[in-house]
Structures are given as structure tokens and as C-alpha cells.
């Protein structure tokens, strides 16, 4: 009874995924940019060199317990088309870095520790922190992500997330291609 209605859906899905399950081979970083609060960071730079992410930051003021992050993922099928929001999530950053629960974000953070010296507990003390040469391994990419262009953004804050905040603690975005 429902089979005739499901066949076009299945055929469309197969065409979209080029014949079946598509797994990403890699996430290629293209560009990135950050804005930061100069009362918290005396310096914050982010670069993409040879598709790898590099960050250098100097924390000038201790970052207290209660830090949160708002992560947003936007997708587009082709250049010239607008990005569409596909996923947004708020996390307790301090709980995530201390490993209170396992998540995709915790796995990403753990992989970053191989290329940097990020703090692994809160409060985050003053000092120099870096990430040099990190790329997102394909095994850490959620299976529901389609191949194509992405904009990934992260905003770090205290309290409640405010979309229109003019002076966030830290606001970064990265454009990447999943292929």
C-alpha cells in the first residue's frame, strides 16, 4: 500500500547520494575568522594554512566556570547559493573539556589536544594557548552531514545565548568543504 509512494523517495535519495551511502573522506578547511573581547584575550589569531587550522591566543583574564558555547552548522549544495542552517547546539564548555560526558564535541576537542595546548579544566588560567595544524578527521564527521560546503560557527559566552550580541567573548567561523 505504501510501497509505490516510497519508491520515488528512495530513488531520489539514491540519486542524491550517488547510489547509496556516502561517507566523507575529509573536511577541508578553506577560510576562517574570529572576533574576540580584548578584556579576555590580548591576542587571538586564526589562520588556515594548507587546509589545516592554526590558532594562537593569549588569555589576559582568567576564564571562569560557566563558560558556554553556541555551535552552528550551515550547509549549501553549490557555490553562489545561500547557506542554510542545519544544526545548532549550545554546550557547557567547561563540562565538555573536563569530560563529564562523551559527545562528538568532546571527541573533536580530544583530537585538538594532539595539536595544541588547550586547558583541560575550568577556570582557564591566563597564558598562551595554541592549536597548530589541526584538521577534522573523517571518522569524527557525523554521518548525517552531506558532501558540500559548510560554515561552522562558534560563539563563547556566559549566561544565555544572544544572537545579536555586539561584543561576544569569542566568535569564530570557518568555511570548509566536506568531500
N, C-alpha and C. Protein backbone atom coordinates (compact mmCIF):
# COMPACT_ATOMS: atom_id res chain seq x y z
N UNK A 1 0.82 -1.19 0.00
CA UNK A 1 0.00 0.00 0.00
C UNK A 1 0.87 1.26 0.00
N UNK A 2 1.94 1.30 0.82
CA UNK A 2 2.81 2.46 0.88
C UNK A 2 4.01 2.33 -0.06
N UNK A 3 4.31 1.14 -0.53
CA UNK A 3 5.50 0.92 -1.34
C UNK A 3 5.58 1.82 -2.57
N UNK A 4 4.49 2.01 -3.37
CA UNK A 4 4.61 2.89 -4.54
C UNK A 4 4.98 4.33 -4.16
N UNK A 5 4.59 4.78 -2.99
CA UNK A 5 4.91 6.14 -2.57
C UNK A 5 6.36 6.24 -2.08
N UNK A 6 6.91 5.14 -1.59
CA UNK A 6 8.27 5.16 -1.07
C UNK A 6 9.32 5.01 -2.16
N UNK A 7 8.97 4.39 -3.29
CA UNK A 7 9.94 4.16 -4.35
C UNK A 7 10.54 5.47 -4.86
N UNK A 8 9.73 6.52 -5.21
CA UNK A 8 10.37 7.77 -5.66
C UNK A 8 11.26 8.40 -4.59
N UNK A 9 10.87 8.30 -3.32
CA UNK A 9 11.71 8.83 -2.25
C UNK A 9 13.05 8.12 -2.21
N UNK A 10 13.00 6.79 -2.29
CA UNK A 10 14.22 6.00 -2.23
C UNK A 10 15.10 6.28 -3.45
N UNK A 11 14.49 6.33 -4.65
CA UNK A 11 15.25 6.60 -5.87
C UNK A 11 15.87 7.99 -5.79
N UNK A 12 15.12 8.97 -5.30
CA UNK A 12 15.66 10.33 -5.13
C UNK A 12 16.82 10.36 -4.17
N UNK A 13 16.70 9.62 -3.06
CA UNK A 13 17.79 9.56 -2.08
C UNK A 13 19.02 8.91 -2.70
N UNK A 14 18.81 7.84 -3.46
CA UNK A 14 19.93 7.15 -4.10
C UNK A 14 20.62 8.07 -5.09
N UNK A 15 19.85 8.87 -5.84
CA UNK A 15 20.45 9.80 -6.79
C UNK A 15 21.22 10.89 -6.05
N UNK A 16 20.65 11.39 -4.97
CA UNK A 16 21.30 12.44 -4.19
C UNK A 16 22.62 11.95 -3.61
N UNK A 17 22.64 10.69 -3.21
CA UNK A 17 23.85 10.15 -2.59
C UNK A 17 24.70 9.35 -3.58
N UNK A 18 24.42 9.49 -4.86
CA UNK A 18 25.20 8.84 -5.93
C UNK A 18 25.22 7.33 -5.77
N UNK A 19 24.07 6.76 -5.47
CA UNK A 19 23.98 5.32 -5.49
C UNK A 19 24.04 4.65 -4.14
N UNK A 20 24.00 5.33 -3.08
CA UNK A 20 24.00 4.67 -1.79
C UNK A 20 24.63 5.51 -0.72
N UNK A 21 25.10 4.85 0.31
CA UNK A 21 25.69 5.54 1.45
C UNK A 21 26.96 6.26 1.05
N UNK A 22 27.01 7.54 1.35
CA UNK A 22 28.18 8.34 1.06
C UNK A 22 28.91 8.61 2.36
N UNK A 23 30.19 8.30 2.37
CA UNK A 23 30.98 8.62 3.55
C UNK A 23 32.01 9.66 3.14
N UNK A 24 32.21 10.61 3.99
CA UNK A 24 33.14 11.68 3.70
C UNK A 24 34.56 11.18 3.83
N UNK A 25 35.41 11.63 2.92
CA UNK A 25 36.81 11.26 3.04
C UNK A 25 37.57 12.27 3.89
N UNK A 26 37.12 13.57 3.81
CA UNK A 26 37.80 14.55 4.65
C UNK A 26 37.03 15.86 4.67
N UNK A 27 37.34 16.65 5.68
CA UNK A 27 36.84 18.02 5.81
C UNK A 27 38.03 18.92 5.48
N UNK A 28 37.87 19.74 4.46
CA UNK A 28 38.93 20.63 4.02
C UNK A 28 38.59 22.05 4.45
N UNK A 29 39.39 22.61 5.33
CA UNK A 29 39.17 23.99 5.78
C UNK A 29 39.62 24.95 4.69
N UNK A 30 38.79 25.98 4.44
CA UNK A 30 39.10 26.98 3.41
C UNK A 30 39.47 28.33 4.00
N UNK A 31 38.59 28.92 4.80
CA UNK A 31 38.84 30.23 5.40
C UNK A 31 38.30 30.25 6.81
N UNK A 32 38.76 31.21 7.59
CA UNK A 32 38.27 31.36 8.95
C UNK A 32 38.50 32.76 9.46
N UNK A 33 37.71 33.14 10.46
CA UNK A 33 37.82 34.47 11.03
C UNK A 33 37.29 34.45 12.46
N UNK A 34 37.84 35.30 13.30
CA UNK A 34 37.38 35.41 14.69
C UNK A 34 37.29 36.86 15.12
N UNK A 35 36.34 37.13 16.01
CA UNK A 35 36.27 38.39 16.75
C UNK A 35 36.39 38.02 18.21
N UNK A 36 37.06 38.85 19.00
CA UNK A 36 37.27 38.50 20.40
C UNK A 36 37.20 39.73 21.28
N UNK A 37 36.87 39.48 22.54
CA UNK A 37 36.80 40.52 23.54
C UNK A 37 38.21 40.79 24.05
N UNK A 38 38.68 42.01 23.90
CA UNK A 38 40.05 42.37 24.27
C UNK A 38 40.26 42.45 25.78
N UNK A 39 39.20 42.37 26.55
CA UNK A 39 39.36 42.29 28.00
C UNK A 39 39.69 40.87 28.44
N UNK A 40 39.33 39.90 27.61
CA UNK A 40 39.60 38.49 27.91
C UNK A 40 40.88 38.03 27.22
N UNK A 41 41.03 38.38 25.94
CA UNK A 41 42.19 37.96 25.14
C UNK A 41 43.01 39.19 24.75
N UNK A 42 44.31 39.15 24.97
CA UNK A 42 45.14 40.25 24.48
C UNK A 42 45.51 40.02 23.02
N UNK A 43 45.39 38.78 22.56
CA UNK A 43 45.63 38.44 21.16
C UNK A 43 44.86 37.17 20.83
N UNK A 44 44.30 37.13 19.64
CA UNK A 44 43.66 35.91 19.15
C UNK A 44 43.76 35.91 17.64
N UNK A 45 44.48 34.96 17.09
CA UNK A 45 44.59 34.85 15.63
C UNK A 45 44.22 33.45 15.19
N UNK A 46 43.58 33.38 14.04
CA UNK A 46 43.23 32.09 13.43
C UNK A 46 43.60 32.17 11.96
N UNK A 47 44.23 31.11 11.47
CA UNK A 47 44.61 31.02 10.07
C UNK A 47 44.31 29.62 9.55
N UNK A 48 44.11 29.54 8.24
CA UNK A 48 44.02 28.25 7.57
C UNK A 48 45.22 28.21 6.63
N UNK A 49 46.11 27.25 6.86
CA UNK A 49 47.29 27.08 6.02
C UNK A 49 47.32 25.64 5.56
N UNK A 50 47.32 25.45 4.23
CA UNK A 50 47.30 24.11 3.63
C UNK A 50 46.16 23.28 4.19
N UNK A 51 45.00 23.86 4.28
CA UNK A 51 43.73 23.25 4.76
C UNK A 51 43.75 22.86 6.23
N UNK A 52 44.77 23.28 6.97
CA UNK A 52 44.86 22.97 8.40
C UNK A 52 44.61 24.22 9.22
N UNK A 53 44.01 24.04 10.39
CA UNK A 53 43.65 25.15 11.26
C UNK A 53 44.77 25.46 12.23
N UNK A 54 45.09 26.76 12.33
CA UNK A 54 46.09 27.24 13.28
C UNK A 54 45.47 28.37 14.08
N UNK A 55 45.62 28.31 15.40
CA UNK A 55 45.14 29.37 16.29
C UNK A 55 46.22 29.66 17.32
N UNK A 56 46.36 30.94 17.62
CA UNK A 56 47.23 31.39 18.70
C UNK A 56 46.43 32.39 19.52
N UNK A 57 46.44 32.22 20.84
CA UNK A 57 45.69 33.13 21.70
C UNK A 57 46.43 33.37 23.00
N UNK A 58 46.28 34.58 23.49
CA UNK A 58 46.82 34.93 24.79
C UNK A 58 45.64 35.32 25.66
N UNK A 59 45.39 34.51 26.68
CA UNK A 59 44.29 34.79 27.62
C UNK A 59 44.84 35.77 28.65
N UNK A 60 44.23 36.96 28.70
CA UNK A 60 44.70 38.03 29.59
C UNK A 60 43.95 38.07 30.91
N UNK A 61 42.77 37.44 30.94
CA UNK A 61 41.94 37.43 32.14
C UNK A 61 41.39 36.03 32.33
N UNK A 62 41.45 35.50 33.52
CA UNK A 62 41.00 34.14 33.80
C UNK A 62 39.57 33.92 33.32
N UNK A 63 39.37 32.80 32.63
CA UNK A 63 38.04 32.43 32.14
C UNK A 63 37.41 31.51 33.18
N UNK A 64 36.33 31.98 33.77
CA UNK A 64 35.70 31.30 34.91
C UNK A 64 34.80 30.13 34.50
N UNK A 65 34.45 29.34 35.48
CA UNK A 65 33.48 28.25 35.33
C UNK A 65 32.18 28.83 34.80
N UNK A 66 31.43 28.06 34.02
CA UNK A 66 30.15 28.53 33.48
C UNK A 66 30.22 28.95 32.03
N UNK A 67 31.39 28.83 31.42
CA UNK A 67 31.56 29.19 30.02
C UNK A 67 30.72 28.25 29.15
N UNK A 68 30.01 28.84 28.20
CA UNK A 68 29.18 28.07 27.27
C UNK A 68 29.60 28.37 25.85
N UNK A 69 29.20 27.50 24.94
CA UNK A 69 29.47 27.70 23.52
C UNK A 69 28.20 27.43 22.74
N UNK A 70 27.95 28.27 21.75
CA UNK A 70 26.85 28.06 20.81
C UNK A 70 27.49 27.69 19.48
N UNK A 71 27.20 26.48 19.00
CA UNK A 71 27.77 26.00 17.75
C UNK A 71 26.68 25.97 16.68
N UNK A 72 27.01 26.45 15.51
CA UNK A 72 26.07 26.46 14.40
C UNK A 72 26.71 25.85 13.16
N UNK A 73 25.93 25.06 12.45
CA UNK A 73 26.40 24.42 11.23
C UNK A 73 25.46 24.81 10.10
N UNK A 74 26.03 25.40 9.05
CA UNK A 74 25.25 25.80 7.88
C UNK A 74 25.81 25.06 6.67
N UNK A 75 24.93 24.79 5.69
CA UNK A 75 25.28 23.96 4.54
C UNK A 75 24.75 24.59 3.27
N UNK A 76 25.48 24.41 2.16
CA UNK A 76 24.98 24.76 0.84
C UNK A 76 25.46 23.72 -0.16
N UNK A 77 24.63 23.46 -1.15
CA UNK A 77 24.97 22.45 -2.14
C UNK A 77 25.95 22.96 -3.19
N UNK A 78 25.84 24.24 -3.57
CA UNK A 78 26.69 24.76 -4.64
C UNK A 78 27.12 26.18 -4.33
N UNK A 79 28.27 26.55 -4.86
CA UNK A 79 28.75 27.93 -4.71
C UNK A 79 27.71 28.88 -5.29
N UNK A 80 27.61 30.05 -4.70
CA UNK A 80 26.65 31.03 -5.17
C UNK A 80 25.28 30.88 -4.54
N UNK A 81 25.02 29.77 -3.94
CA UNK A 81 23.74 29.55 -3.26
C UNK A 81 23.92 29.96 -1.80
N UNK A 82 22.85 30.40 -1.16
CA UNK A 82 22.99 30.79 0.25
C UNK A 82 23.16 29.57 1.17
N UNK A 83 23.83 29.80 2.29
CA UNK A 83 23.94 28.76 3.31
C UNK A 83 22.59 28.61 4.01
N UNK A 84 22.28 27.39 4.40
CA UNK A 84 21.06 27.09 5.15
C UNK A 84 21.47 26.47 6.48
N UNK A 85 20.90 26.96 7.56
CA UNK A 85 21.20 26.42 8.88
C UNK A 85 20.67 24.98 8.97
N UNK A 86 21.54 24.06 9.38
CA UNK A 86 21.09 22.67 9.51
C UNK A 86 21.13 22.17 10.94
N UNK A 87 21.93 22.84 11.79
CA UNK A 87 22.07 22.32 13.14
C UNK A 87 22.67 23.40 14.03
N UNK A 88 22.10 23.58 15.22
CA UNK A 88 22.64 24.50 16.22
C UNK A 88 22.57 23.81 17.57
N UNK A 89 23.56 24.10 18.40
CA UNK A 89 23.60 23.43 19.70
C UNK A 89 24.38 24.29 20.69
N UNK A 90 23.86 24.40 21.91
CA UNK A 90 24.58 25.07 22.99
C UNK A 90 25.17 24.00 23.90
N UNK A 91 26.42 24.21 24.30
CA UNK A 91 27.07 23.26 25.20
C UNK A 91 27.69 24.00 26.38
N UNK A 92 27.81 23.30 27.47
CA UNK A 92 28.56 23.79 28.63
C UNK A 92 30.02 23.45 28.33
N UNK A 93 30.79 24.45 27.95
CA UNK A 93 32.17 24.23 27.52
C UNK A 93 33.02 23.63 28.63
N UNK A 94 32.88 24.14 29.84
CA UNK A 94 33.70 23.63 30.95
C UNK A 94 33.40 22.16 31.24
N UNK A 95 32.14 21.77 31.20
CA UNK A 95 31.78 20.36 31.41
C UNK A 95 32.33 19.49 30.28
N UNK A 96 32.28 20.00 29.05
CA UNK A 96 32.76 19.25 27.90
C UNK A 96 34.27 19.00 28.00
N UNK A 97 35.05 20.03 28.33
CA UNK A 97 36.50 19.83 28.34
C UNK A 97 36.98 18.95 29.49
N UNK A 98 36.23 18.90 30.57
CA UNK A 98 36.66 18.01 31.65
C UNK A 98 36.17 16.58 31.44
N UNK A 99 35.39 16.36 30.36
CA UNK A 99 34.97 15.01 30.01
C UNK A 99 33.80 14.50 30.81
N UNK A 100 32.92 15.40 31.26
CA UNK A 100 31.77 15.00 32.07
C UNK A 100 30.87 14.02 31.31
N UNK A 101 30.81 14.18 30.00
CA UNK A 101 30.07 13.22 29.19
C UNK A 101 30.69 13.14 27.81
N UNK A 102 30.63 11.99 27.21
CA UNK A 102 31.19 11.78 25.88
C UNK A 102 30.24 12.35 24.84
N UNK A 103 30.78 13.07 23.88
CA UNK A 103 29.99 13.63 22.78
C UNK A 103 30.90 13.83 21.59
N UNK A 104 30.31 14.18 20.45
CA UNK A 104 31.11 14.46 19.27
C UNK A 104 32.03 15.64 19.54
N UNK A 105 31.55 16.62 20.30
CA UNK A 105 32.38 17.79 20.62
C UNK A 105 33.57 17.40 21.49
N UNK A 106 33.36 16.51 22.42
CA UNK A 106 34.45 16.03 23.27
C UNK A 106 35.49 15.31 22.41
N UNK A 107 35.05 14.52 21.44
CA UNK A 107 36.00 13.82 20.55
C UNK A 107 36.78 14.82 19.70
N UNK A 108 36.10 15.87 19.21
CA UNK A 108 36.81 16.90 18.45
C UNK A 108 37.85 17.57 19.34
N UNK A 109 37.45 17.92 20.56
CA UNK A 109 38.36 18.58 21.49
C UNK A 109 39.57 17.69 21.79
N UNK A 110 39.33 16.42 22.05
CA UNK A 110 40.42 15.49 22.33
C UNK A 110 41.38 15.39 21.16
N UNK A 111 40.84 15.40 19.92
CA UNK A 111 41.72 15.35 18.75
C UNK A 111 42.53 16.64 18.63
N UNK A 112 41.97 17.78 19.06
CA UNK A 112 42.69 19.05 19.03
C UNK A 112 43.86 19.06 20.01
N UNK A 113 43.73 18.35 21.12
CA UNK A 113 44.79 18.32 22.12
C UNK A 113 46.08 17.73 21.57
N UNK A 114 46.00 16.94 20.51
CA UNK A 114 47.20 16.38 19.88
C UNK A 114 47.99 17.44 19.12
N UNK A 115 47.34 18.58 18.83
CA UNK A 115 47.96 19.63 18.04
C UNK A 115 48.05 20.96 18.80
N UNK A 116 47.69 20.95 20.07
CA UNK A 116 47.68 22.20 20.82
C UNK A 116 47.80 21.98 22.31
N UNK A 117 47.68 23.07 23.04
CA UNK A 117 47.84 23.03 24.49
C UNK A 117 46.64 23.63 25.21
N UNK A 118 45.44 23.38 24.73
CA UNK A 118 44.25 23.93 25.37
C UNK A 118 44.13 23.46 26.81
N UNK A 119 43.52 24.30 27.62
CA UNK A 119 43.25 23.94 29.02
C UNK A 119 42.25 22.78 29.04
N UNK A 120 42.42 21.89 30.02
CA UNK A 120 41.52 20.74 30.13
C UNK A 120 40.62 20.83 31.35
N UNK A 121 40.56 22.00 31.98
CA UNK A 121 39.63 22.22 33.09
C UNK A 121 39.37 23.72 33.23
N UNK A 122 38.32 24.03 33.95
CA UNK A 122 37.98 25.44 34.24
C UNK A 122 38.22 25.67 35.72
N UNK A 123 38.61 26.84 36.14
CA UNK A 123 38.82 28.02 35.32
C UNK A 123 40.04 27.86 34.41
N UNK A 124 40.00 28.60 33.29
CA UNK A 124 41.10 28.59 32.33
C UNK A 124 42.01 29.76 32.68
N UNK A 125 43.22 29.46 33.04
CA UNK A 125 44.16 30.47 33.50
C UNK A 125 44.71 31.35 32.40
N UNK A 126 45.30 32.44 32.83
CA UNK A 126 45.95 33.35 31.91
C UNK A 126 47.12 32.63 31.26
N UNK A 127 47.43 33.02 30.03
CA UNK A 127 48.59 32.44 29.37
C UNK A 127 48.38 32.26 27.88
N UNK A 128 49.36 31.62 27.27
CA UNK A 128 49.40 31.39 25.83
C UNK A 128 48.85 30.00 25.52
N UNK A 129 47.90 29.94 24.60
CA UNK A 129 47.32 28.68 24.14
C UNK A 129 47.39 28.65 22.62
N UNK A 130 47.54 27.45 22.06
CA UNK A 130 47.67 27.35 20.61
C UNK A 130 47.05 26.06 20.09
N UNK A 131 46.82 26.07 18.78
CA UNK A 131 46.40 24.90 18.02
C UNK A 131 47.11 25.04 16.68
N UNK A 132 48.00 24.12 16.35
CA UNK A 132 48.80 24.25 15.13
C UNK A 132 48.67 22.99 14.27
N UNK A 133 48.03 23.14 13.12
CA UNK A 133 47.99 22.05 12.14
C UNK A 133 46.86 21.06 12.31
N UNK A 134 45.75 21.45 12.92
CA UNK A 134 44.64 20.52 13.15
C UNK A 134 43.72 20.46 11.94
N UNK A 135 43.24 19.30 11.64
CA UNK A 135 42.20 19.09 10.65
C UNK A 135 41.22 18.08 11.20
N UNK A 136 39.99 18.15 10.74
CA UNK A 136 38.94 17.26 11.26
C UNK A 136 38.98 15.93 10.53
N UNK A 137 39.35 14.90 11.25
CA UNK A 137 39.43 13.55 10.70
C UNK A 137 38.04 13.08 10.27
N UNK A 138 37.96 12.38 9.15
CA UNK A 138 36.67 11.91 8.61
C UNK A 138 35.90 11.03 9.60
N UNK A 139 36.60 10.33 10.46
CA UNK A 139 35.91 9.45 11.42
C UNK A 139 35.14 10.24 12.48
N UNK A 140 35.41 11.55 12.59
CA UNK A 140 34.72 12.40 13.55
C UNK A 140 33.59 13.22 12.93
N UNK A 141 33.29 12.98 11.66
CA UNK A 141 32.24 13.74 10.97
C UNK A 141 30.94 12.96 11.07
N UNK A 142 29.88 13.59 11.59
CA UNK A 142 28.60 12.89 11.71
C UNK A 142 28.12 12.34 10.36
N UNK A 143 27.56 11.16 10.37
CA UNK A 143 27.14 10.50 9.14
C UNK A 143 25.98 11.22 8.44
N UNK A 144 25.26 12.08 9.15
CA UNK A 144 24.14 12.78 8.52
C UNK A 144 24.57 14.04 7.78
N UNK A 145 25.86 14.38 7.78
CA UNK A 145 26.35 15.54 7.04
C UNK A 145 26.50 15.15 5.57
N UNK A 146 25.93 15.94 4.67
CA UNK A 146 26.06 15.73 3.23
C UNK A 146 27.40 16.25 2.74
N UNK A 147 27.83 15.75 1.59
CA UNK A 147 29.00 16.30 0.94
C UNK A 147 28.64 17.69 0.43
N UNK A 148 29.53 18.66 0.60
CA UNK A 148 29.27 20.02 0.13
C UNK A 148 29.99 21.05 0.99
N UNK A 149 29.53 22.29 0.86
CA UNK A 149 30.15 23.43 1.56
C UNK A 149 29.49 23.66 2.91
N UNK A 150 30.32 23.98 3.90
CA UNK A 150 29.83 24.24 5.26
C UNK A 150 30.40 25.53 5.80
N UNK A 151 29.62 26.16 6.65
CA UNK A 151 30.10 27.24 7.51
C UNK A 151 29.82 26.79 8.94
N UNK A 152 30.87 26.70 9.73
CA UNK A 152 30.76 26.25 11.11
C UNK A 152 31.11 27.44 11.99
N UNK A 153 30.22 27.77 12.90
CA UNK A 153 30.48 28.93 13.76
C UNK A 153 30.41 28.52 15.22
N UNK A 154 31.18 29.23 16.02
CA UNK A 154 31.17 29.02 17.47
C UNK A 154 31.24 30.36 18.18
N UNK A 155 30.35 30.54 19.13
CA UNK A 155 30.35 31.76 19.95
C UNK A 155 30.43 31.33 21.40
N UNK A 156 31.38 31.90 22.14
CA UNK A 156 31.59 31.56 23.54
C UNK A 156 31.05 32.70 24.39
N UNK A 157 30.34 32.33 25.47
CA UNK A 157 29.61 33.33 26.24
C UNK A 157 29.30 32.80 27.64
N UNK A 158 28.80 33.69 28.49
CA UNK A 158 28.25 33.34 29.80
C UNK A 158 26.77 33.68 29.76
N UNK A 159 25.99 33.01 30.58
CA UNK A 159 24.56 33.32 30.66
C UNK A 159 23.77 32.67 29.54
N UNK A 160 22.92 33.47 28.90
CA UNK A 160 22.08 32.97 27.82
C UNK A 160 22.62 33.44 26.47
N UNK A 161 22.46 32.60 25.45
CA UNK A 161 22.92 32.92 24.12
C UNK A 161 22.10 34.08 23.55
N UNK A 162 22.81 35.07 23.00
CA UNK A 162 22.17 36.22 22.36
C UNK A 162 22.69 36.31 20.94
N UNK A 163 21.81 36.12 19.99
CA UNK A 163 22.21 36.10 18.58
C UNK A 163 22.79 37.44 18.12
N UNK A 164 22.31 38.54 18.65
CA UNK A 164 22.72 39.87 18.18
C UNK A 164 23.75 40.55 19.09
N UNK A 165 24.48 39.81 19.85
CA UNK A 165 25.47 40.40 20.76
C UNK A 165 26.58 41.08 19.96
N UNK A 166 26.90 42.35 20.31
CA UNK A 166 27.89 43.12 19.58
C UNK A 166 29.32 42.81 19.99
N UNK A 167 29.55 42.45 21.24
CA UNK A 167 30.89 42.21 21.73
C UNK A 167 30.97 40.86 22.42
N UNK A 168 30.93 39.76 21.65
CA UNK A 168 30.99 38.44 22.29
C UNK A 168 32.37 38.19 22.88
N UNK A 169 32.45 37.26 23.79
CA UNK A 169 33.74 36.89 24.36
C UNK A 169 34.65 36.37 23.23
N UNK A 170 34.11 35.49 22.42
CA UNK A 170 34.83 34.96 21.25
C UNK A 170 33.79 34.49 20.25
N UNK A 171 33.96 34.87 19.00
CA UNK A 171 33.03 34.50 17.93
C UNK A 171 33.88 34.12 16.71
N UNK A 172 33.85 32.84 16.33
CA UNK A 172 34.66 32.36 15.20
C UNK A 172 33.79 31.65 14.19
N UNK A 173 34.21 31.72 12.93
CA UNK A 173 33.55 30.92 11.90
C UNK A 173 34.61 30.39 10.95
N UNK A 174 34.33 29.21 10.42
CA UNK A 174 35.23 28.54 9.49
C UNK A 174 34.39 28.05 8.32
N UNK A 175 34.88 28.28 7.12
CA UNK A 175 34.24 27.71 5.94
C UNK A 175 35.06 26.51 5.51
N UNK A 176 34.35 25.43 5.16
CA UNK A 176 35.01 24.19 4.84
C UNK A 176 34.22 23.44 3.78
N UNK A 177 34.88 22.46 3.17
CA UNK A 177 34.23 21.61 2.19
C UNK A 177 34.35 20.17 2.69
N UNK A 178 33.23 19.48 2.67
CA UNK A 178 33.21 18.05 3.02
C UNK A 178 33.17 17.28 1.71
N UNK A 179 34.22 16.50 1.47
CA UNK A 179 34.28 15.72 0.22
C UNK A 179 34.81 14.34 0.46
